[in-house]
Structures are given as structure tokens and as C-alpha cells.
Amino acid sequence: MSAHAPGSIPIRTTDDWDVTTSDGDRRVTITWTKSPRNRLDRFLFDLFGTSRERELTLDSVGTTVWQRCDGEHTVSEIASIVADEHDADRVEPVDETLAHFLMQLEERDLIRFEDRPDG
């Protein structure tokens, strides 16, 4: 688990995602290949014939965040956008909710972070 400063910039590590609209809500579906973390994982994947292909469909809040993980927005900017565009009851406390979600994306190797360059 890692924590990132509000000035950190989350960047998507995959281009394999689509946006769909359902009942007026925009949703992103991300597709990626899960890599085994060690030999035991690899053995179990092979033993049980587990597919390495994964798919994750995000709700409207997750979609807002994902679309802003473009290398142009800081964590702080994304938090402000989420707070402005979504119901407070759903996203408060925004900073904690966003940090947790970004951590989950990072653990799946779907995003990485860069520090904002000085200047």
C-alpha cells in the first residue's frame, strides 16, 4: 500500500478500455491481463486453467476518476472534480475515498504515479 501526495499525477498504464453509456451514466470498462506475482501464482493459474484476462467495469464515480488519470491532473485536482460532479453522500470524504480507489487501481497495475515537476 502506498500513499501519494495531493500533487502526485496518476497515469493510466493501459489503453485497453472503453466508455459506454447506460441509463444516462457513463461507465468505463477496463481490460487487462493479470500477471502471476510469483511461481505459486503461476502454478495455480496453470493448475486450475484460470484465465489471466480480467475486466473491470467502473461506476460513474470511478469513470470520472479513470478519465482524469491522463497525466494532466493531480490527485488534488481529481478530488475537486469528483466533489463537484458527484453527490457528496456518495463520495465524502473525497480525499480518503479517492486515495483508496487509486490505491486499488495501482495494486492492479492499472495506474502509476509521477510527481509533478517543479516549476
Protein backbone atom coordinates (compact mmCIF):
# COMPACT_ATOMS: atom_id res chain seq x y z
CA MET A 1 0.00 0.00 0.00
CA SER A 2 1.30 3.42 -0.82
CA ALA A 3 0.15 6.94 -0.17
CA HIS A 4 0.58 9.70 -2.68
CA ALA A 5 0.77 13.43 -2.22
CA PRO A 6 -2.08 15.60 -3.49
CA GLY A 7 0.35 16.89 -6.13
CA SER A 8 1.07 13.40 -7.50
CA ILE A 9 -0.16 12.70 -11.00
CA PRO A 10 -1.88 9.34 -11.63
CA ILE A 11 -1.32 7.97 -15.13
CA ARG A 12 -3.14 5.05 -16.77
CA THR A 13 -0.86 2.15 -17.72
CA THR A 14 -3.29 0.61 -20.20
CA ASP A 15 -5.06 1.86 -23.29
CA ASP A 16 -7.43 -1.12 -23.34
CA TRP A 17 -10.63 0.49 -22.05
CA ASP A 18 -13.99 1.54 -23.43
CA VAL A 19 -16.66 4.02 -22.38
CA THR A 20 -20.33 3.09 -22.62
CA THR A 21 -23.47 4.92 -21.56
CA SER A 22 -26.22 3.10 -19.68
CA ASP A 23 -29.29 4.88 -18.29
CA GLY A 24 -27.52 8.20 -18.75
CA ASP A 25 -24.46 7.11 -16.74
CA ARG A 26 -21.07 6.86 -18.40
CA ARG A 27 -19.12 3.73 -17.44
CA VAL A 28 -15.61 2.65 -18.24
CA THR A 29 -14.71 -0.99 -18.71
CA ILE A 30 -11.00 -1.76 -18.40
CA THR A 31 -9.50 -4.97 -19.76
CA TRP A 32 -6.07 -6.22 -18.72
CA THR A 33 -4.00 -9.37 -18.34
CA LYS A 34 -3.20 -10.33 -14.77
CA SER A 35 0.39 -11.37 -14.32
CA PRO A 36 1.26 -14.01 -11.75
CA ARG A 37 3.14 -12.42 -8.86
CA ASN A 38 5.30 -15.46 -8.14
CA ARG A 39 5.85 -19.10 -9.06
CA LEU A 40 2.99 -20.28 -6.84
CA ASP A 41 0.55 -17.95 -8.60
CA ARG A 42 1.80 -19.19 -11.98
CA PHE A 43 1.43 -22.81 -10.87
CA LEU A 44 -2.11 -22.23 -9.58
CA PHE A 45 -3.14 -20.35 -12.73
CA ASP A 46 -1.92 -23.27 -14.82
CA LEU A 47 -3.25 -25.99 -12.50
CA PHE A 48 -6.79 -24.61 -12.47
CA GLY A 49 -6.73 -23.23 -16.01
CA THR A 50 -7.54 -19.78 -14.70
CA SER A 51 -7.82 -17.10 -17.33
CA ARG A 52 -5.41 -14.24 -16.91
CA GLU A 53 -7.75 -11.87 -18.74
CA ARG A 54 -9.54 -9.50 -16.38
CA GLU A 55 -12.30 -6.97 -16.88
CA LEU A 56 -13.32 -4.20 -14.51
CA THR A 57 -16.39 -2.04 -15.03
CA LEU A 58 -16.36 1.22 -13.10
CA ASP A 59 -19.37 3.11 -11.81
CA SER A 60 -19.87 6.78 -12.65
CA VAL A 61 -17.51 8.00 -9.90
CA GLY A 62 -14.81 5.53 -10.93
CA THR A 63 -15.30 6.56 -14.55
CA THR A 64 -14.78 10.22 -13.62
CA VAL A 65 -11.55 9.32 -11.83
CA TRP A 66 -10.27 6.98 -14.57
CA GLN A 67 -10.79 9.52 -17.31
CA ARG A 68 -8.74 12.07 -15.32
CA CYS A 69 -5.82 9.65 -14.81
CA ASP A 70 -4.39 11.05 -18.02
CA GLY A 71 -1.12 12.51 -16.82
CA GLU A 72 -2.60 16.00 -16.80
CA HIS A 73 -4.46 16.04 -13.46
CA THR A 74 -3.08 15.80 -9.93
CA VAL A 75 -4.74 13.78 -7.19
CA SER A 76 -5.94 17.05 -5.66
CA GLU A 77 -7.47 18.21 -8.95
CA ILE A 78 -9.23 14.89 -9.42
CA ALA A 79 -10.64 15.12 -5.88
CA SER A 80 -12.08 18.55 -6.68
CA ILE A 81 -13.65 17.29 -9.90
CA VAL A 82 -15.19 14.29 -8.12
CA ALA A 83 -16.58 16.54 -5.37
CA ASP A 84 -18.08 18.92 -7.96
CA GLU A 85 -19.60 16.25 -10.22
CA HIS A 86 -20.96 13.69 -7.74
CA ASP A 87 -23.28 13.53 -4.75
CA ALA A 88 -21.44 14.33 -1.53
CA ASP A 89 -23.17 11.48 0.31
CA ARG A 90 -21.59 9.08 -2.14
CA VAL A 91 -18.03 10.39 -2.21
CA GLU A 92 -17.36 12.07 1.15
CA PRO A 93 -14.75 12.12 2.50
CA VAL A 94 -13.48 12.68 -1.03
CA ASP A 95 -9.76 12.58 -0.23
CA GLU A 96 -9.99 9.24 1.59
CA THR A 97 -12.39 7.69 -0.92
CA LEU A 98 -10.22 8.77 -3.84
CA ALA A 99 -6.99 7.60 -2.18
CA HIS A 100 -8.48 4.16 -1.53
CA PHE A 101 -9.73 3.82 -5.11
CA LEU A 102 -6.43 4.97 -6.62
CA MET A 103 -4.59 2.50 -4.39
CA GLN A 104 -6.78 -0.32 -5.75
CA LEU A 105 -6.03 0.71 -9.33
CA GLU A 106 -2.30 0.90 -8.54
CA GLU A 107 -2.33 -2.57 -6.93
CA ARG A 108 -3.79 -3.94 -10.17
CA ASP A 109 -1.03 -2.15 -12.12
CA LEU A 110 -3.65 -0.08 -13.96
CA ILE A 111 -2.13 3.26 -12.97
CA ARG A 112 1.22 4.59 -11.84
CA PHE A 113 2.11 7.88 -10.18
CA GLU A 114 4.53 10.63 -11.09
CA ASP A 115 5.46 13.64 -9.03
CA ARG A 116 4.52 16.96 -10.54
CA PRO A 117 7.65 18.59 -11.93
CA ASP A 118 8.72 21.76 -10.14
CA GLY A 119 8.33 24.97 -11.85
